[in-house]
Amino acid sequence: MTKPSHVDVSVLSSAKYGLVYLTANDWALIADKAARKQFTNGDFIIQIGKPTHGLYLLLKGTAAVKIPGQIKIPAIGPGEVCGEISFLDEMPATANVIAQESVEAYYLDRPTLQSLFELFPHLASRFYRSIASNLSRRLRELVSPK
C-alpha cells in the first residue's frame, strides 16, 4: 500500500458527489488502508458480471459508466466511488466502468473495510449513509434525467 498524500485526502473529502458524510479523520483512516491502482485509457476498472470484492475511489481522471441497454450515464471523476453495489450485495458488477483517460484510484477490499468498521462503528455509519445517498442520487438521475 502506498502512503496516502494530503492531496488524495483533499480530493476525496471535497468531491461534490463523493462520500459526503465522512469526516477528515474517516478519510485518513480509509486512505491509510487503501491500495493505489492505476488504469490507462480504455482499461476496465469494473467489468459487468464479475465480482469486485471491494470498491474504488477515484483520485484522478474520469471513467465512463456503461450499462447495456441504458441511456447515457454520466462519467465519474475524482472523489467519486464505483463498485459500491457489488460491495453492498456481494454480487457481480451491474455495470462496466472504463477509464476514459489515465485514472488513479484507491481500492478498498471488503475485509479491510469490515475490519475498519469493527474498530470504528461511527465510521461505518457515515460510510453506509454516504453510499446510500450516492445510490439514491444516481437512481434519481437515471429515472428523471435533466
C-alpha atoms as a PDB file:
ATOM      1  CA  MET A   1       0.000   0.000   0.000  1.00  0.00           C
ATOM      2  CA  THR A   2       1.228   3.453  -0.895  1.00  0.00           C
ATOM      3  CA  LYS A   3       1.284   6.148   1.749  1.00  0.00           C
ATOM      4  CA  PRO A   4      -1.701   8.477   1.163  1.00  0.00           C
ATOM      5  CA  SER A   5      -0.955  12.083   0.374  1.00  0.00           C
ATOM      6  CA  HIS A   6      -2.711  15.154   1.735  1.00  0.00           C
ATOM      7  CA  VAL A   7      -3.812  15.880  -1.850  1.00  0.00           C
ATOM      8  CA  ASP A   8      -5.511  12.456  -2.133  1.00  0.00           C
ATOM      9  CA  VAL A   9      -7.499  13.031   1.053  1.00  0.00           C
ATOM     10  CA  SER A  10      -8.368  16.553  -0.085  1.00  0.00           C
ATOM     11  CA  VAL A  11      -9.711  15.254  -3.435  1.00  0.00           C
ATOM     12  CA  LEU A  12     -11.815  12.624  -1.698  1.00  0.00           C
ATOM     13  CA  SER A  13     -13.186  14.860   1.039  1.00  0.00           C
ATOM     14  CA  SER A  14     -14.105  17.782  -1.228  1.00  0.00           C
ATOM     15  CA  ALA A  15     -15.906  15.877  -4.010  1.00  0.00           C
ATOM     16  CA  LYS A  16     -19.469  17.058  -4.625  1.00  0.00           C
ATOM     17  CA  TYR A  17     -20.635  13.507  -5.395  1.00  0.00           C
ATOM     18  CA  GLY A  18     -18.278  11.605  -3.137  1.00  0.00           C
ATOM     19  CA  LEU A  19     -18.799  10.004   0.240  1.00  0.00           C
ATOM     20  CA  VAL A  20     -20.033  13.265   1.701  1.00  0.00           C
ATOM     21  CA  TYR A  21     -20.736  12.206   5.289  1.00  0.00           C
ATOM     22  CA  LEU A  22     -17.184  11.089   6.033  1.00  0.00           C
ATOM     23  CA  THR A  23     -15.010  13.264   8.261  1.00  0.00           C
ATOM     24  CA  ALA A  24     -11.370  14.212   7.735  1.00  0.00           C
ATOM     25  CA  ASN A  25     -10.393  11.540  10.275  1.00  0.00           C
ATOM     26  CA  ASP A  26     -12.511   8.953   8.439  1.00  0.00           C
ATOM     27  CA  TRP A  27     -10.711   9.771   5.196  1.00  0.00           C
ATOM     28  CA  ALA A  28      -7.314   9.476   6.865  1.00  0.00           C
ATOM     29  CA  LEU A  29      -8.214   6.006   8.194  1.00  0.00           C
ATOM     30  CA  ILE A  30      -9.574   4.851   4.833  1.00  0.00           C
ATOM     31  CA  ALA A  31      -6.707   6.276   2.773  1.00  0.00           C
ATOM     32  CA  ASP A  32      -4.161   4.635   5.057  1.00  0.00           C
ATOM     33  CA  LYS A  33      -5.646   1.184   4.358  1.00  0.00           C
ATOM     34  CA  ALA A  34      -6.353   1.620   0.627  1.00  0.00           C
ATOM     35  CA  ALA A  35      -4.326   0.171  -2.233  1.00  0.00           C
ATOM     36  CA  ARG A  36      -3.494   2.639  -5.002  1.00  0.00           C
ATOM     37  CA  LYS A  37      -4.381   1.393  -8.501  1.00  0.00           C
ATOM     38  CA  GLN A  38      -3.623   2.890 -11.911  1.00  0.00           C
ATOM     39  CA  PHE A  39      -5.552   2.450 -15.146  1.00  0.00           C
ATOM     40  CA  THR A  40      -4.924   3.697 -18.673  1.00  0.00           C
ATOM     41  CA  ASN A  41      -7.458   4.904 -21.234  1.00  0.00           C
ATOM     42  CA  GLY A  42      -9.767   2.018 -22.176  1.00  0.00           C
ATOM     43  CA  ASP A  43      -8.944  -0.189 -19.179  1.00  0.00           C
ATOM     44  CA  PHE A  44     -11.839  -1.792 -17.346  1.00  0.00           C
ATOM     45  CA  ILE A  45     -11.909  -0.680 -13.736  1.00  0.00           C
ATOM     46  CA  ILE A  46     -15.002  -2.799 -13.172  1.00  0.00           C
ATOM     47  CA  GLN A  47     -16.445  -5.362 -15.572  1.00  0.00           C
ATOM     48  CA  ILE A  48     -20.129  -6.233 -15.672  1.00  0.00           C
ATOM     49  CA  GLY A  49     -20.875  -9.718 -14.370  1.00  0.00           C
ATOM     50  CA  LYS A  50     -17.585 -10.058 -12.481  1.00  0.00           C
ATOM     51  CA  PRO A  51     -17.172  -9.740  -8.722  1.00  0.00           C
ATOM     52  CA  THR A  52     -15.295  -6.687  -7.482  1.00  0.00           C
ATOM     53  CA  HIS A  53     -14.585  -7.809  -3.880  1.00  0.00           C
ATOM     54  CA  GLY A  54     -14.418  -4.141  -2.884  1.00  0.00           C
ATOM     55  CA  LEU A  55     -14.829  -0.639  -4.222  1.00  0.00           C
ATOM     56  CA  TYR A  56     -12.832   2.091  -5.912  1.00  0.00           C
ATOM     57  CA  LEU A  57     -12.457   5.757  -5.003  1.00  0.00           C
ATOM     58  CA  LEU A  58     -11.233   7.802  -7.969  1.00  0.00           C
ATOM     59  CA  LEU A  59      -8.374  10.179  -7.250  1.00  0.00           C
ATOM     60  CA  LYS A  60      -7.507  11.390 -10.758  1.00  0.00           C
ATOM     61  CA  GLY A  61      -9.087  11.057 -14.192  1.00  0.00           C
ATOM     62  CA  THR A  62     -12.571  10.142 -15.372  1.00  0.00           C
ATOM     63  CA  ALA A  63     -14.327   6.882 -16.097  1.00  0.00           C
ATOM     64  CA  ALA A  64     -17.383   6.019 -18.174  1.00  0.00           C
ATOM     65  CA  VAL A  65     -20.154   4.012 -16.544  1.00  0.00           C
ATOM     66  CA  LYS A  66     -21.920   1.790 -19.052  1.00  0.00           C
ATOM     67  CA  ILE A  67     -24.927  -0.455 -18.552  1.00  0.00           C
ATOM     68  CA  PRO A  68     -26.038  -2.286 -21.703  1.00  0.00           C
ATOM     69  CA  GLY A  69     -29.419  -1.044 -22.922  1.00  0.00           C
ATOM     70  CA  GLN A  70     -29.422   2.016 -20.666  1.00  0.00           C
ATOM     71  CA  ILE A  71     -29.422   5.685 -21.529  1.00  0.00           C
ATOM     72  CA  LYS A  72     -26.166   7.585 -21.251  1.00  0.00           C
ATOM     73  CA  ILE A  73     -24.912   7.610 -17.691  1.00  0.00           C
ATOM     74  CA  PRO A  74     -22.714  10.497 -16.513  1.00  0.00           C
ATOM     75  CA  ALA A  75     -18.997   9.784 -16.218  1.00  0.00           C
ATOM     76  CA  ILE A  76     -17.465   9.683 -12.763  1.00  0.00           C
ATOM     77  CA  GLY A  77     -14.423  11.637 -11.682  1.00  0.00           C
ATOM     78  CA  PRO A  78     -12.117  12.441  -8.783  1.00  0.00           C
ATOM     79  CA  GLY A  79     -13.642  11.815  -5.376  1.00  0.00           C
ATOM     80  CA  GLU A  80     -16.397   9.554  -6.704  1.00  0.00           C
ATOM     81  CA  VAL A  81     -16.916   5.899  -5.878  1.00  0.00           C
ATOM     82  CA  CYS A  82     -17.634   2.871  -8.057  1.00  0.00           C
ATOM     83  CA  GLY A  83     -18.235  -0.770  -7.257  1.00  0.00           C
ATOM     84  CA  GLU A  84     -20.491   0.090  -4.336  1.00  0.00           C
ATOM     85  CA  ILE A  85     -23.459  -2.027  -5.458  1.00  0.00           C
ATOM     86  CA  SER A  86     -21.318  -5.166  -5.604  1.00  0.00           C
ATOM     87  CA  PHE A  87     -19.729  -4.167  -2.331  1.00  0.00           C
ATOM     88  CA  LEU A  88     -23.138  -3.939  -0.680  1.00  0.00           C
ATOM     89  CA  ASP A  89     -24.751  -7.105  -2.025  1.00  0.00           C
ATOM     90  CA  GLU A  90     -21.662  -9.254  -2.720  1.00  0.00           C
ATOM     91  CA  MET A  91     -22.966  -9.974  -6.230  1.00  0.00           C
ATOM     92  CA  PRO A  92     -21.203  -9.450  -9.591  1.00  0.00           C
ATOM     93  CA  ALA A  93     -20.927  -5.936 -11.009  1.00  0.00           C
ATOM     94  CA  THR A  94     -24.012  -4.377 -12.609  1.00  0.00           C
ATOM     95  CA  ALA A  95     -22.092  -2.024 -14.917  1.00  0.00           C
ATOM     96  CA  ASN A  96     -18.843  -1.580 -16.794  1.00  0.00           C
ATOM     97  CA  VAL A  97     -16.627   1.208 -15.554  1.00  0.00           C
ATOM     98  CA  ILE A  98     -13.984   2.104 -18.130  1.00  0.00           C
ATOM     99  CA  ALA A  99     -11.131   4.585 -17.788  1.00  0.00           C
ATOM    100  CA  GLN A 100     -11.546   7.469 -20.248  1.00  0.00           C
ATOM    101  CA  GLU A 101      -8.001   8.662 -19.617  1.00  0.00           C
ATOM    102  CA  SER A 102      -5.278   7.892 -17.132  1.00  0.00           C
ATOM    103  CA  VAL A 103      -7.046   7.085 -13.850  1.00  0.00           C
ATOM    104  CA  GLU A 104      -5.688   6.670 -10.338  1.00  0.00           C
ATOM    105  CA  ALA A 105      -7.919   5.201  -7.674  1.00  0.00           C
ATOM    106  CA  TYR A 106      -7.866   3.791  -4.202  1.00  0.00           C
ATOM    107  CA  TYR A 107      -9.130   0.231  -3.959  1.00  0.00           C
ATOM    108  CA  LEU A 108     -10.630  -0.948  -0.690  1.00  0.00           C
ATOM    109  CA  ASP A 109     -11.421  -4.619  -0.324  1.00  0.00           C
ATOM    110  CA  ARG A 110     -14.278  -5.896   1.809  1.00  0.00           C
ATOM    111  CA  PRO A 111     -12.155  -7.445   4.619  1.00  0.00           C
ATOM    112  CA  THR A 112     -10.146  -4.241   5.047  1.00  0.00           C
ATOM    113  CA  LEU A 113     -13.263  -2.086   5.270  1.00  0.00           C
ATOM    114  CA  GLN A 114     -15.006  -4.551   7.582  1.00  0.00           C
ATOM    115  CA  SER A 115     -12.070  -4.502   9.996  1.00  0.00           C
ATOM    116  CA  LEU A 116     -12.095  -0.682   9.984  1.00  0.00           C
ATOM    117  CA  PHE A 117     -15.847  -0.689  10.628  1.00  0.00           C
ATOM    118  CA  GLU A 118     -15.460  -3.079  13.572  1.00  0.00           C
ATOM    119  CA  LEU A 119     -12.850  -0.784  15.119  1.00  0.00           C
ATOM    120  CA  PHE A 120     -14.742   2.414  14.293  1.00  0.00           C
ATOM    121  CA  PRO A 121     -18.524   1.816  14.208  1.00  0.00           C
ATOM    122  CA  HIS A 122     -19.307   5.501  13.628  1.00  0.00           C
ATOM    123  CA  LEU A 123     -17.129   5.398  10.500  1.00  0.00           C
ATOM    124  CA  ALA A 124     -19.297   2.532   9.242  1.00  0.00           C
ATOM    125  CA  SER A 125     -22.450   4.528   9.876  1.00  0.00           C
ATOM    126  CA  ARG A 126     -21.167   7.563   7.971  1.00  0.00           C
ATOM    127  CA  PHE A 127     -19.764   5.375   5.177  1.00  0.00           C
ATOM    128  CA  TYR A 128     -23.018   3.489   4.563  1.00  0.00           C
ATOM    129  CA  ARG A 129     -25.030   6.709   4.791  1.00  0.00           C
ATOM    130  CA  SER A 130     -22.769   8.212   2.112  1.00  0.00           C
ATOM    131  CA  ILE A 131     -23.162   5.143  -0.117  1.00  0.00           C
ATOM    132  CA  ALA A 132     -26.955   5.263   0.290  1.00  0.00           C
ATOM    133  CA  SER A 133     -27.002   8.955  -0.593  1.00  0.00           C
ATOM    134  CA  ASN A 134     -24.895   8.336  -3.725  1.00  0.00           C
ATOM    135  CA  LEU A 135     -27.020   5.442  -4.917  1.00  0.00           C
ATOM    136  CA  SER A 136     -30.193   7.439  -4.336  1.00  0.00           C
ATOM    137  CA  ARG A 137     -28.825  10.376  -6.378  1.00  0.00           C
ATOM    138  CA  ARG A 138     -27.716   8.089  -9.205  1.00  0.00           C
ATOM    139  CA  LEU A 139     -31.089   6.334  -9.344  1.00  0.00           C
ATOM    140  CA  ARG A 140     -32.881   9.678  -9.469  1.00  0.00           C
ATOM    141  CA  GLU A 141     -30.625  10.763 -12.346  1.00  0.00           C
ATOM    142  CA  LEU A 142     -31.479   7.587 -14.265  1.00  0.00           C
ATOM    143  CA  VAL A 143     -35.254   7.811 -13.833  1.00  0.00           C
ATOM    144  CA  SER A 144     -35.529  11.599 -14.227  1.00  0.00           C
ATOM    145  CA  PRO A 145     -32.657  12.781 -16.434  1.00  0.00           C
ATOM    146  CA  LYS A 146     -32.281  16.550 -16.731  1.00  0.00           C
END
